[in-house]
Amino acid sequence: MMQIGLIGLGAGAAAALLFASVASGSLLSIMLFYVAPLPLLIAALGWSHWAAAIGALGAAAVLAAVFGGFYFLVFLAVVGVPAWWLGYLAMLGRPAQAHGHLQEQTSGHAAHAVEWYPSGRLVVWAAVLGAGIILVAIPNFGIDAESFRTGLRNALNQVLQIDGETRTVNLNALIDFMVSALPPTAAILTTITNILNLYLAARIVHFSGRLQRPWPDLAAMDFPKPVALALGAALVVTFAGGIVGVMAGVISASLLMAFGVLGFAVLHTITRGMGSRAAVLIGTYAAVLVFGWPILALCILGVAETAVGVRGRLANRRGPPMRS
């Protein structure tokens, strides 16, 4: 327990430094801010979720002592609790039994097989936590649509150091666009960083030999069907307008990004055995990174997989593999 506590405090100190670096305002500090959960996730995956909890509370306490009590809650909401929860779920396992969802088991005798928390559900939780972080931040700008947009517009003016009297018509249009686009964009970015931090932490711990669960077949991940229903409901509610519509847009953006990740997993599966597989995958990744919008096709592919089982249908059409 002493080792877990020391590891947790060390991870918390690193997370606190990364989180506080954003105060400098440089581009590098923003990047460091987004990897603040990484030390806590490494502690959770490599040692125990208790190490992550100790680190999160210690880091929050230090930040509160330096910057004020408000940062205790901010750090826990943005970094500490999401990192602890994802780390806890990632290492959650039970003796393997016959269940309805895909199992990720350890190698060895069946009697000692362990069913680990599915990787697909970890992606869903990363999206839920990403949306939750943004939803918690919305009331800081306003509790209704008009006050929220006004508060966010004023914050953008301060960040960009723009005087209201000197703004041009085009600049006003740009600010209005940013006010509308920022909440869902922030949700997407937070979801992506949650997933990437969890992946990087798992890779680091796996290479160190401390990862107790086997590395899952990420291309085989799947989502529970209710997640697709939740996405559909959130998309419908976005048309309600007002602050409810803004919040529904945040949830929709996070879930869509999760389905985009599932779409990549489906693409990796259905291209197996293709001679042009490498070109297809490289081209798809490059198109998403350069243009962005092709991710929508992968989101649709992910939703289709959850709704009708694209991988299973294609596997049935192809039939069993040919024997040499």
C-alpha atoms as a PDB file:
ATOM      1  CA  MET A   1       0.000   0.000   0.000  1.00  0.00           C
ATOM      2  CA  MET A   2       2.918   2.318   0.683  1.00  0.00           C
ATOM      3  CA  GLN A   3       4.196   1.813  -2.875  1.00  0.00           C
ATOM      4  CA  ILE A   4       0.748   2.527  -4.307  1.00  0.00           C
ATOM      5  CA  GLY A   5       0.551   5.733  -2.278  1.00  0.00           C
ATOM      6  CA  LEU A   6       3.974   6.935  -3.416  1.00  0.00           C
ATOM      7  CA  ILE A   7       3.246   6.086  -7.038  1.00  0.00           C
ATOM      8  CA  GLY A   8      -0.066   7.918  -6.770  1.00  0.00           C
ATOM      9  CA  LEU A   9       1.515  11.035  -5.283  1.00  0.00           C
ATOM     10  CA  GLY A  10       4.188  11.058  -7.988  1.00  0.00           C
ATOM     11  CA  ALA A  11       1.579  10.692 -10.720  1.00  0.00           C
ATOM     12  CA  GLY A  12      -0.504  13.417  -9.100  1.00  0.00           C
ATOM     13  CA  ALA A  13       2.461  15.791  -8.991  1.00  0.00           C
ATOM     14  CA  ALA A  14       3.114  15.231 -12.702  1.00  0.00           C
ATOM     15  CA  ALA A  15      -0.570  15.686 -13.548  1.00  0.00           C
ATOM     16  CA  ALA A  16      -0.740  18.906 -11.505  1.00  0.00           C
ATOM     17  CA  LEU A  17       2.298  20.359 -13.298  1.00  0.00           C
ATOM     18  CA  LEU A  18       0.861  19.496 -16.711  1.00  0.00           C
ATOM     19  CA  PHE A  19      -2.517  20.956 -15.749  1.00  0.00           C
ATOM     20  CA  ALA A  20      -1.014  24.173 -14.345  1.00  0.00           C
ATOM     21  CA  SER A  21       1.204  24.702 -17.401  1.00  0.00           C
ATOM     22  CA  VAL A  22      -1.780  26.118 -19.304  1.00  0.00           C
ATOM     23  CA  ALA A  23      -1.413  29.306 -17.244  1.00  0.00           C
ATOM     24  CA  SER A  24       1.561  30.283 -19.417  1.00  0.00           C
ATOM     25  CA  GLY A  25      -0.725  30.580 -22.443  1.00  0.00           C
ATOM     26  CA  SER A  26       1.740  29.083 -24.947  1.00  0.00           C
ATOM     27  CA  LEU A  27       0.768  26.528 -27.583  1.00  0.00           C
ATOM     28  CA  LEU A  28       2.976  23.882 -25.974  1.00  0.00           C
ATOM     29  CA  SER A  29       1.275  24.429 -22.613  1.00  0.00           C
ATOM     30  CA  ILE A  30      -2.120  23.711 -24.181  1.00  0.00           C
ATOM     31  CA  MET A  31      -0.797  20.407 -25.497  1.00  0.00           C
ATOM     32  CA  LEU A  32       0.633  19.580 -22.076  1.00  0.00           C
ATOM     33  CA  PHE A  33      -2.710  20.429 -20.475  1.00  0.00           C
ATOM     34  CA  TYR A  34      -4.479  17.813 -22.588  1.00  0.00           C
ATOM     35  CA  VAL A  35      -2.060  15.047 -21.512  1.00  0.00           C
ATOM     36  CA  ALA A  36      -2.499  15.855 -17.809  1.00  0.00           C
ATOM     37  CA  PRO A  37      -4.581  12.663 -17.241  1.00  0.00           C
ATOM     38  CA  LEU A  38      -1.789  10.472 -18.662  1.00  0.00           C
ATOM     39  CA  PRO A  39       0.271  10.060 -15.434  1.00  0.00           C
ATOM     40  CA  LEU A  40      -2.848   9.151 -13.464  1.00  0.00           C
ATOM     41  CA  LEU A  41      -3.903   6.622 -16.097  1.00  0.00           C
ATOM     42  CA  ILE A  42      -0.436   5.040 -16.054  1.00  0.00           C
ATOM     43  CA  ALA A  43      -0.667   4.725 -12.272  1.00  0.00           C
ATOM     44  CA  ALA A  44      -4.145   3.186 -12.501  1.00  0.00           C
ATOM     45  CA  LEU A  45      -3.256   0.654 -15.209  1.00  0.00           C
ATOM     46  CA  GLY A  46       0.176  -0.259 -13.881  1.00  0.00           C
ATOM     47  CA  TRP A  47      -0.471  -0.313 -10.143  1.00  0.00           C
ATOM     48  CA  SER A  48      -4.016   0.284  -8.944  1.00  0.00           C
ATOM     49  CA  HIS A  49      -6.965   2.594  -9.390  1.00  0.00           C
ATOM     50  CA  TRP A  50      -6.275   3.561  -5.781  1.00  0.00           C
ATOM     51  CA  ALA A  51      -2.974   5.066  -6.927  1.00  0.00           C
ATOM     52  CA  ALA A  52      -4.882   7.193  -9.442  1.00  0.00           C
ATOM     53  CA  ALA A  53      -7.379   8.255  -6.768  1.00  0.00           C
ATOM     54  CA  ILE A  54      -4.601   9.263  -4.346  1.00  0.00           C
ATOM     55  CA  GLY A  55      -2.804  11.131  -7.121  1.00  0.00           C
ATOM     56  CA  ALA A  56      -5.963  12.961  -8.232  1.00  0.00           C
ATOM     57  CA  LEU A  57      -6.832  14.109  -4.711  1.00  0.00           C
ATOM     58  CA  GLY A  58      -3.222  15.119  -3.976  1.00  0.00           C
ATOM     59  CA  ALA A  59      -2.911  17.089  -7.212  1.00  0.00           C
ATOM     60  CA  ALA A  60      -6.249  18.810  -6.636  1.00  0.00           C
ATOM     61  CA  ALA A  61      -5.203  19.774  -3.108  1.00  0.00           C
ATOM     62  CA  VAL A  62      -1.896  21.261  -4.309  1.00  0.00           C
ATOM     63  CA  LEU A  63      -3.595  23.240  -7.084  1.00  0.00           C
ATOM     64  CA  ALA A  64      -6.175  24.532  -4.607  1.00  0.00           C
ATOM     65  CA  ALA A  65      -3.430  25.661  -2.229  1.00  0.00           C
ATOM     66  CA  VAL A  66      -1.584  27.507  -5.014  1.00  0.00           C
ATOM     67  CA  PHE A  67      -4.396  28.903  -7.174  1.00  0.00           C
ATOM     68  CA  GLY A  68      -7.467  28.777  -4.930  1.00  0.00           C
ATOM     69  CA  GLY A  69     -10.102  26.341  -3.760  1.00  0.00           C
ATOM     70  CA  PHE A  70     -12.054  26.507  -7.029  1.00  0.00           C
ATOM     71  CA  TYR A  71      -9.274  24.601  -8.794  1.00  0.00           C
ATOM     72  CA  PHE A  72      -9.771  21.635  -6.479  1.00  0.00           C
ATOM     73  CA  LEU A  73     -13.126  20.947  -8.148  1.00  0.00           C
ATOM     74  CA  VAL A  74     -11.929  21.965 -11.615  1.00  0.00           C
ATOM     75  CA  PHE A  75      -9.024  19.519 -11.603  1.00  0.00           C
ATOM     76  CA  LEU A  76     -11.142  16.659 -10.287  1.00  0.00           C
ATOM     77  CA  ALA A  77     -13.900  17.297 -12.843  1.00  0.00           C
ATOM     78  CA  VAL A  78     -11.620  17.762 -15.860  1.00  0.00           C
ATOM     79  CA  VAL A  79      -8.707  15.420 -15.105  1.00  0.00           C
ATOM     80  CA  GLY A  80      -8.900  13.471 -11.848  1.00  0.00           C
ATOM     81  CA  VAL A  81     -12.271  11.710 -11.914  1.00  0.00           C
ATOM     82  CA  PRO A  82     -12.239  10.858 -15.670  1.00  0.00           C
ATOM     83  CA  ALA A  83      -8.716   9.408 -15.446  1.00  0.00           C
ATOM     84  CA  TRP A  84      -9.531   7.407 -12.306  1.00  0.00           C
ATOM     85  CA  TRP A  85     -12.791   6.043 -13.739  1.00  0.00           C
ATOM     86  CA  LEU A  86     -11.304   5.007 -17.092  1.00  0.00           C
ATOM     87  CA  GLY A  87      -8.363   3.382 -15.312  1.00  0.00           C
ATOM     88  CA  TYR A  88     -10.703   1.569 -12.927  1.00  0.00           C
ATOM     89  CA  LEU A  89     -12.891   0.227 -15.741  1.00  0.00           C
ATOM     90  CA  ALA A  90      -9.927  -0.769 -17.926  1.00  0.00           C
ATOM     91  CA  MET A  91      -8.646  -3.111 -15.207  1.00  0.00           C
ATOM     92  CA  LEU A  92     -12.066  -4.437 -14.253  1.00  0.00           C
ATOM     93  CA  GLY A  93     -12.277  -8.206 -14.751  1.00  0.00           C
ATOM     94  CA  ARG A  94     -14.217 -11.257 -13.624  1.00  0.00           C
ATOM     95  CA  PRO A  95     -14.068 -15.027 -14.224  1.00  0.00           C
ATOM     96  CA  ALA A  96     -15.134 -15.695 -17.815  1.00  0.00           C
ATOM     97  CA  GLN A  97     -18.639 -17.041 -18.315  1.00  0.00           C
ATOM     98  CA  ALA A  98     -21.040 -17.244 -21.226  1.00  0.00           C
ATOM     99  CA  HIS A  99     -22.353 -13.714 -21.688  1.00  0.00           C
ATOM    100  CA  GLY A 100     -24.059 -11.900 -24.501  1.00  0.00           C
ATOM    101  CA  HIS A 101     -21.198  -9.579 -25.412  1.00  0.00           C
ATOM    102  CA  LEU A 102     -17.780 -10.253 -26.868  1.00  0.00           C
ATOM    103  CA  GLN A 103     -15.298 -11.485 -24.300  1.00  0.00           C
ATOM    104  CA  GLU A 104     -11.660 -10.450 -24.016  1.00  0.00           C
ATOM    105  CA  GLN A 105      -9.948 -13.283 -22.131  1.00  0.00           C
ATOM    106  CA  THR A 106      -6.517 -14.092 -20.885  1.00  0.00           C
ATOM    107  CA  SER A 107      -4.627 -16.913 -22.504  1.00  0.00           C
ATOM    108  CA  GLY A 108      -4.276 -20.190 -20.657  1.00  0.00           C
ATOM    109  CA  HIS A 109      -6.729 -22.674 -19.228  1.00  0.00           C
ATOM    110  CA  ALA A 110     -10.410 -21.829 -19.561  1.00  0.00           C
ATOM    111  CA  ALA A 111     -10.887 -22.330 -15.850  1.00  0.00           C
ATOM    112  CA  HIS A 112      -8.549 -19.411 -15.194  1.00  0.00           C
ATOM    113  CA  ALA A 113      -9.796 -17.207 -18.060  1.00  0.00           C
ATOM    114  CA  VAL A 114     -10.773 -13.669 -17.138  1.00  0.00           C
ATOM    115  CA  GLU A 115     -13.357 -11.571 -18.890  1.00  0.00           C
ATOM    116  CA  TRP A 116     -12.091  -7.996 -18.997  1.00  0.00           C
ATOM    117  CA  TYR A 117     -14.137  -4.874 -19.399  1.00  0.00           C
ATOM    118  CA  PRO A 118     -14.685  -4.574 -23.179  1.00  0.00           C
ATOM    119  CA  SER A 119     -12.608  -2.029 -25.062  1.00  0.00           C
ATOM    120  CA  GLY A 120     -15.660  -0.787 -26.960  1.00  0.00           C
ATOM    121  CA  ARG A 121     -17.368   0.221 -23.759  1.00  0.00           C
ATOM    122  CA  LEU A 122     -14.219   2.041 -22.664  1.00  0.00           C
ATOM    123  CA  VAL A 123     -14.477   4.134 -25.835  1.00  0.00           C
ATOM    124  CA  VAL A 124     -18.120   4.881 -25.035  1.00  0.00           C
ATOM    125  CA  TRP A 125     -17.173   5.939 -21.517  1.00  0.00           C
ATOM    126  CA  ALA A 126     -14.427   8.169 -22.925  1.00  0.00           C
ATOM    127  CA  ALA A 127     -17.112   9.902 -25.001  1.00  0.00           C
ATOM    128  CA  VAL A 128     -19.522  10.166 -22.065  1.00  0.00           C
ATOM    129  CA  LEU A 129     -16.818  11.688 -19.875  1.00  0.00           C
ATOM    130  CA  GLY A 130     -15.780  14.018 -22.695  1.00  0.00           C
ATOM    131  CA  ALA A 131     -19.330  15.293 -23.003  1.00  0.00           C
ATOM    132  CA  GLY A 132     -19.681  15.518 -19.234  1.00  0.00           C
ATOM    133  CA  ILE A 133     -16.629  17.762 -18.895  1.00  0.00           C
ATOM    134  CA  ILE A 134     -18.094  20.247 -21.402  1.00  0.00           C
ATOM    135  CA  LEU A 135     -21.586  20.065 -19.914  1.00  0.00           C
ATOM    136  CA  VAL A 136     -20.188  20.903 -16.474  1.00  0.00           C
ATOM    137  CA  ALA A 137     -18.436  23.942 -17.959  1.00  0.00           C
ATOM    138  CA  ILE A 138     -21.526  25.341 -19.749  1.00  0.00           C
ATOM    139  CA  PRO A 139     -23.184  26.932 -16.656  1.00  0.00           C
ATOM    140  CA  ASN A 140     -20.017  28.990 -16.103  1.00  0.00           C
ATOM    141  CA  PHE A 141     -21.010  31.021 -19.173  1.00  0.00           C
ATOM    142  CA  GLY A 142     -24.784  31.075 -18.676  1.00  0.00           C
ATOM    143  CA  ILE A 143     -27.779  29.011 -17.669  1.00  0.00           C
ATOM    144  CA  ASP A 144     -29.873  29.815 -20.739  1.00  0.00           C
ATOM    145  CA  ALA A 145     -29.021  29.952 -24.430  1.00  0.00           C
ATOM    146  CA  GLU A 146     -28.780  33.723 -24.698  1.00  0.00           C
ATOM    147  CA  SER A 147     -26.673  34.262 -21.593  1.00  0.00           C
ATOM    148  CA  PHE A 148     -24.473  31.288 -22.546  1.00  0.00           C
ATOM    149  CA  ARG A 149     -23.761  32.684 -26.007  1.00  0.00           C
ATOM    150  CA  THR A 150     -23.150  36.151 -24.584  1.00  0.00           C
ATOM    151  CA  GLY A 151     -20.775  34.824 -21.939  1.00  0.00           C
ATOM    152  CA  LEU A 152     -18.903  32.664 -24.434  1.00  0.00           C
ATOM    153  CA  ARG A 153     -18.705  35.557 -26.896  1.00  0.00           C
ATOM    154  CA  ASN A 154     -17.235  37.825 -24.217  1.00  0.00           C
ATOM    155  CA  ALA A 155     -14.727  35.130 -23.257  1.00  0.00           C
ATOM    156  CA  LEU A 156     -13.645  34.762 -26.877  1.00  0.00           C
ATOM    157  CA  ASN A 157     -13.248  38.526 -27.203  1.00  0.00           C
ATOM    158  CA  GLN A 158     -10.976  38.549 -24.164  1.00  0.00           C
ATOM    159  CA  VAL A 159      -8.914  35.601 -25.385  1.00  0.00           C
ATOM    160  CA  LEU A 160      -8.524  37.155 -28.840  1.00  0.00           C
ATOM    161  CA  GLN A 161      -8.057  40.612 -27.267  1.00  0.00           C
ATOM    162  CA  ILE A 162     -10.699  42.183 -29.494  1.00  0.00           C
ATOM    163  CA  ASP A 163     -12.352  45.478 -28.589  1.00  0.00           C
ATOM    164  CA  GLY A 164     -16.081  45.428 -29.316  1.00  0.00           C
ATOM    165  CA  GLU A 165     -15.929  48.843 -30.960  1.00  0.00           C
ATOM    166  CA  THR A 166     -13.235  47.838 -33.428  1.00  0.00           C
ATOM    167  CA  ARG A 167     -14.757  44.570 -34.611  1.00  0.00           C
ATOM    168  CA  THR A 168     -15.670  44.377 -38.296  1.00  0.00           C
ATOM    169  CA  VAL A 169     -18.738  42.687 -39.742  1.00  0.00           C
ATOM    170  CA  ASN A 170     -16.652  39.706 -40.887  1.00  0.00           C
ATOM    171  CA  LEU A 171     -15.066  39.399 -37.459  1.00  0.00           C
ATOM    172  CA  ASN A 172     -18.486  39.479 -35.820  1.00  0.00           C
ATOM    173  CA  ALA A 173     -19.596  36.649 -38.114  1.00  0.00           C
ATOM    174  CA  LEU A 174     -16.481  34.663 -37.219  1.00  0.00           C
ATOM    175  CA  ILE A 175     -17.082  35.136 -33.487  1.00  0.00           C
ATOM    176  CA  ASP A 176     -20.727  34.078 -33.885  1.00  0.00           C
ATOM    177  CA  PHE A 177     -19.620  30.961 -35.759  1.00  0.00           C
ATOM    178  CA  MET A 178     -17.080  30.129 -33.065  1.00  0.00           C
ATOM    179  CA  VAL A 179     -19.735  30.539 -30.364  1.00  0.00           C
ATOM    180  CA  SER A 180     -21.938  27.999 -32.149  1.00  0.00           C
ATOM    181  CA  ALA A 181     -19.155  25.575 -33.061  1.00  0.00           C
ATOM    182  CA  LEU A 182     -17.055  25.689 -29.898  1.00  0.00           C
ATOM    183  CA  PRO A 183     -19.176  23.485 -27.558  1.00  0.00           C
ATOM    184  CA  PRO A 184     -19.412  20.448 -29.907  1.00  0.00           C
ATOM    185  CA  THR A 185     -15.825  20.962 -31.078  1.00  0.00           C
ATOM    186  CA  ALA A 186     -14.604  21.013 -27.481  1.00  0.00           C
ATOM    187  CA  ALA A 187     -16.585  17.823 -26.794  1.00  0.00           C
ATOM    188  CA  ILE A 188     -14.967  16.101 -29.791  1.00  0.00           C
ATOM    189  CA  LEU A 189     -11.493  17.220 -28.738  1.00  0.00           C
ATOM    190  CA  THR A 190     -12.032  16.074 -25.146  1.00  0.00           C
ATOM    191  CA  THR A 191     -13.313  12.693 -26.305  1.00  0.00           C
ATOM    192  CA  ILE A 192     -10.299  12.236 -28.590  1.00  0.00           C
ATOM    193  CA  THR A 193      -7.842  13.156 -25.832  1.00  0.00           C
ATOM    194  CA  ASN A 194      -9.565  10.777 -23.402  1.00  0.00           C
ATOM    195  CA  ILE A 195      -9.189   7.920 -25.883  1.00  0.00           C
ATOM    196  CA  LEU A 196      -5.613   8.795 -26.836  1.00  0.00           C
ATOM    197  CA  ASN A 197      -4.501   9.196 -23.214  1.00  0.00           C
ATOM    198  CA  LEU A 198      -5.999   5.825 -22.312  1.00  0.00           C
ATOM    199  CA  TYR A 199      -4.357   4.188 -25.345  1.00  0.00           C
ATOM    200  CA  LEU A 200      -0.956   5.749 -24.636  1.00  0.00           C
ATOM    201  CA  ALA A 201      -1.108   4.824 -20.951  1.00  0.00           C
ATOM    202  CA  ALA A 202      -2.022   1.233 -21.828  1.00  0.00           C
ATOM    203  CA  ARG A 203       0.821   1.031 -24.348  1.00  0.00           C
ATOM    204  CA  ILE A 204       3.351   2.413 -21.874  1.00  0.00           C
ATOM    205  CA  VAL A 205       2.259   0.032 -19.112  1.00  0.00           C
ATOM    206  CA  HIS A 206       2.092  -2.880 -21.571  1.00  0.00           C
ATOM    207  CA  PHE A 207       5.670  -2.271 -22.751  1.00  0.00           C
ATOM    208  CA  SER A 208       6.815  -2.072 -19.127  1.00  0.00           C
ATOM    209  CA  GLY A 209       5.327  -5.503 -18.460  1.00  0.00           C
ATOM    210  CA  ARG A 210       2.973  -4.287 -15.727  1.00  0.00           C
ATOM    211  CA  LEU A 211      -0.296  -4.515 -17.682  1.00  0.00           C
ATOM    212  CA  GLN A 212      -2.194  -7.419 -16.150  1.00  0.00           C
ATOM    213  CA  ARG A 213      -4.884  -7.724 -18.811  1.00  0.00           C
ATOM    214  CA  PRO A 214      -3.964  -8.992 -22.285  1.00  0.00           C
ATOM    215  CA  TRP A 215      -3.861  -6.521 -25.148  1.00  0.00           C
ATOM    216  CA  PRO A 216      -7.335  -6.635 -26.737  1.00  0.00           C
ATOM    217  CA  ASP A 217      -8.152  -7.016 -30.406  1.00  0.00           C
ATOM    218  CA  LEU A 218      -9.186  -3.401 -30.915  1.00  0.00           C
ATOM    219  CA  ALA A 219     -10.555  -4.136 -34.384  1.00  0.00           C
ATOM    220  CA  ALA A 220     -13.115  -6.477 -32.774  1.00  0.00           C
ATOM    221  CA  MET A 221     -14.569  -3.854 -30.423  1.00  0.00           C
ATOM    222  CA  ASP A 222     -18.310  -3.276 -30.453  1.00  0.00           C
ATOM    223  CA  PHE A 223     -20.837  -0.985 -28.775  1.00  0.00           C
ATOM    224  CA  PRO A 224     -24.067  -1.862 -26.969  1.00  0.00           C
ATOM    225  CA  LYS A 225     -27.067  -1.117 -29.213  1.00  0.00           C
ATOM    226  CA  PRO A 226     -28.549   1.450 -26.779  1.00  0.00           C
ATOM    227  CA  VAL A 227     -25.598   3.724 -27.551  1.00  0.00           C
ATOM    228  CA  ALA A 228     -26.879   4.153 -31.120  1.00  0.00           C
ATOM    229  CA  LEU A 229     -30.342   4.939 -29.735  1.00  0.00           C
ATOM    230  CA  ALA A 230     -28.805   7.514 -27.376  1.00  0.00           C
ATOM    231  CA  LEU A 231     -27.048   9.169 -30.316  1.00  0.00           C
ATOM    232  CA  GLY A 232     -30.277   9.297 -32.301  1.00  0.00           C
ATOM    233  CA  ALA A 233     -32.161  10.810 -29.370  1.00  0.00           C
ATOM    234  CA  ALA A 234     -29.439  13.421 -28.795  1.00  0.00           C
ATOM    235  CA  LEU A 235     -29.468  14.402 -32.483  1.00  0.00           C
ATOM    236  CA  VAL A 236     -33.229  14.882 -32.366  1.00  0.00           C
ATOM    237  CA  VAL A 237     -33.046  17.022 -29.216  1.00  0.00           C
ATOM    238  CA  THR A 238     -30.498  19.347 -30.861  1.00  0.00           C
ATOM    239  CA  PHE A 239     -33.388  20.729 -32.944  1.00  0.00           C
ATOM    240  CA  ALA A 240     -35.164  21.815 -29.753  1.00  0.00           C
ATOM    241  CA  GLY A 241     -32.911  24.867 -29.570  1.00  0.00           C
ATOM    242  CA  GLY A 242     -32.063  26.785 -26.431  1.00  0.00           C
ATOM    243  CA  ILE A 243     -29.598  25.582 -23.843  1.00  0.00           C
ATOM    244  CA  VAL A 244     -31.062  22.056 -24.101  1.00  0.00           C
ATOM    245  CA  GLY A 245     -30.190  22.008 -27.779  1.00  0.00           C
ATOM    246  CA  VAL A 246     -26.645  23.184 -27.014  1.00  0.00           C
ATOM    247  CA  MET A 247     -26.211  20.404 -24.453  1.00  0.00           C
ATOM    248  CA  ALA A 248     -27.662  17.821 -26.840  1.00  0.00           C
ATOM    249  CA  GLY A 249     -25.193  19.008 -29.490  1.00  0.00           C
ATOM    250  CA  VAL A 250     -22.320  18.376 -27.076  1.00  0.00           C
ATOM    251  CA  ILE A 251     -23.551  14.843 -26.363  1.00  0.00           C
ATOM    252  CA  SER A 252     -24.124  14.163 -30.065  1.00  0.00           C
ATOM    253  CA  ALA A 253     -20.622  15.311 -30.994  1.00  0.00           C
ATOM    254  CA  SER A 254     -18.972  13.101 -28.355  1.00  0.00           C
ATOM    255  CA  LEU A 255     -20.975  10.006 -29.311  1.00  0.00           C
ATOM    256  CA  LEU A 256     -20.373  10.602 -33.010  1.00  0.00           C
ATOM    257  CA  MET A 257     -16.640  10.668 -32.367  1.00  0.00           C
ATOM    258  CA  ALA A 258     -16.942   7.384 -30.466  1.00  0.00           C
ATOM    259  CA  PHE A 259     -18.737   5.850 -33.443  1.00  0.00           C
ATOM    260  CA  GLY A 260     -15.968   7.223 -35.653  1.00  0.00           C
ATOM    261  CA  VAL A 261     -13.476   5.189 -33.619  1.00  0.00           C
ATOM    262  CA  LEU A 262     -15.720   2.141 -34.027  1.00  0.00           C
ATOM    263  CA  GLY A 263     -15.824   2.880 -37.755  1.00  0.00           C
ATOM    264  CA  PHE A 264     -12.030   2.665 -37.869  1.00  0.00           C
ATOM    265  CA  ALA A 265     -12.226  -0.682 -36.047  1.00  0.00           C
ATOM    266  CA  VAL A 266     -14.739  -1.978 -38.607  1.00  0.00           C
ATOM    267  CA  LEU A 267     -12.555  -0.757 -41.463  1.00  0.00           C
ATOM    268  CA  HIS A 268      -9.552  -2.616 -40.010  1.00  0.00           C
ATOM    269  CA  THR A 269     -11.638  -5.799 -39.860  1.00  0.00           C
ATOM    270  CA  ILE A 270     -13.323  -5.718 -43.264  1.00  0.00           C
ATOM    271  CA  THR A 271     -10.077  -4.924 -45.091  1.00  0.00           C
ATOM    272  CA  ARG A 272      -8.267  -7.978 -43.722  1.00  0.00           C
ATOM    273  CA  GLY A 273      -7.136 -10.167 -46.581  1.00  0.00           C
ATOM    274  CA  MET A 274      -7.316  -7.353 -49.143  1.00  0.00           C
ATOM    275  CA  GLY A 275      -4.220  -6.745 -51.237  1.00  0.00           C
ATOM    276  CA  SER A 276      -4.779  -2.992 -51.060  1.00  0.00           C
ATOM    277  CA  ARG A 277      -5.436  -2.980 -47.309  1.00  0.00           C
ATOM    278  CA  ALA A 278      -2.425  -0.846 -46.414  1.00  0.00           C
ATOM    279  CA  ALA A 279      -3.270   1.756 -49.054  1.00  0.00           C
ATOM    280  CA  VAL A 280      -6.912   1.925 -47.949  1.00  0.00           C
ATOM    281  CA  LEU A 281      -6.038   2.337 -44.277  1.00  0.00           C
ATOM    282  CA  ILE A 282      -3.255   4.871 -44.856  1.00  0.00           C
ATOM    283  CA  GLY A 283      -5.443   6.843 -47.246  1.00  0.00           C
ATOM    284  CA  THR A 284      -8.341   6.892 -44.799  1.00  0.00           C
ATOM    285  CA  TYR A 285      -6.219   8.002 -41.851  1.00  0.00           C
ATOM    286  CA  ALA A 286      -4.543  10.669 -43.982  1.00  0.00           C
ATOM    287  CA  ALA A 287      -7.881  11.975 -45.284  1.00  0.00           C
ATOM    288  CA  VAL A 288      -9.288  12.257 -41.767  1.00  0.00           C
ATOM    289  CA  LEU A 289      -6.182  14.018 -40.449  1.00  0.00           C
ATOM    290  CA  VAL A 290      -5.938  16.451 -43.381  1.00  0.00           C
ATOM    291  CA  PHE A 291      -9.581  17.186 -44.184  1.00  0.00           C
ATOM    292  CA  GLY A 292     -11.470  16.124 -41.065  1.00  0.00           C
ATOM    293  CA  TRP A 293     -14.882  15.643 -42.646  1.00  0.00           C
ATOM    294  CA  PRO A 294     -14.245  12.035 -43.897  1.00  0.00           C
ATOM    295  CA  ILE A 295     -14.644  10.994 -40.246  1.00  0.00           C
ATOM    296  CA  LEU A 296     -18.398  11.343 -40.868  1.00  0.00           C
ATOM    297  CA  ALA A 297     -18.280   8.328 -43.197  1.00  0.00           C
ATOM    298  CA  LEU A 298     -16.586   6.320 -40.450  1.00  0.00           C
ATOM    299  CA  CYS A 299     -19.193   7.517 -37.946  1.00  0.00           C
ATOM    300  CA  ILE A 300     -21.909   6.175 -40.250  1.00  0.00           C
ATOM    301  CA  LEU A 301     -19.987   2.917 -40.606  1.00  0.00           C
ATOM    302  CA  GLY A 302     -19.766   2.652 -36.817  1.00  0.00           C
ATOM    303  CA  VAL A 303     -23.488   3.279 -36.379  1.00  0.00           C
ATOM    304  CA  ALA A 304     -24.258   0.711 -39.092  1.00  0.00           C
ATOM    305  CA  GLU A 305     -22.067  -1.845 -37.315  1.00  0.00           C
ATOM    306  CA  THR A 306     -23.966  -1.341 -34.059  1.00  0.00           C
ATOM    307  CA  ALA A 307     -27.355  -1.419 -35.780  1.00  0.00           C
ATOM    308  CA  VAL A 308     -26.994  -4.277 -38.286  1.00  0.00           C
ATOM    309  CA  GLY A 309     -23.578  -5.896 -37.701  1.00  0.00           C
ATOM    310  CA  VAL A 310     -21.619  -4.971 -40.844  1.00  0.00           C
ATOM    311  CA  ARG A 311     -18.634  -7.176 -39.966  1.00  0.00           C
ATOM    312  CA  GLY A 312     -20.780 -10.245 -39.377  1.00  0.00           C
ATOM    313  CA  ARG A 313     -22.731  -9.793 -42.617  1.00  0.00           C
ATOM    314  CA  LEU A 314     -19.577  -9.380 -44.689  1.00  0.00           C
ATOM    315  CA  ALA A 315     -18.010 -12.403 -43.001  1.00  0.00           C
ATOM    316  CA  ASN A 316     -21.059 -14.503 -43.913  1.00  0.00           C
ATOM    317  CA  ARG A 317     -20.897 -13.345 -47.537  1.00  0.00           C
ATOM    318  CA  ARG A 318     -17.212 -14.171 -47.822  1.00  0.00           C
ATOM    319  CA  GLY A 319     -17.714 -17.583 -46.277  1.00  0.00           C
ATOM    320  CA  PRO A 320     -15.040 -19.632 -44.492  1.00  0.00           C
ATOM    321  CA  PRO A 321     -11.422 -19.003 -45.448  1.00  0.00           C
ATOM    322  CA  MET A 322      -9.956 -21.178 -48.212  1.00  0.00           C
ATOM    323  CA  ARG A 323      -7.700 -24.023 -47.059  1.00  0.00           C
ATOM    324  CA  SER A 324      -4.306 -24.260 -48.653  1.00  0.00           C
END
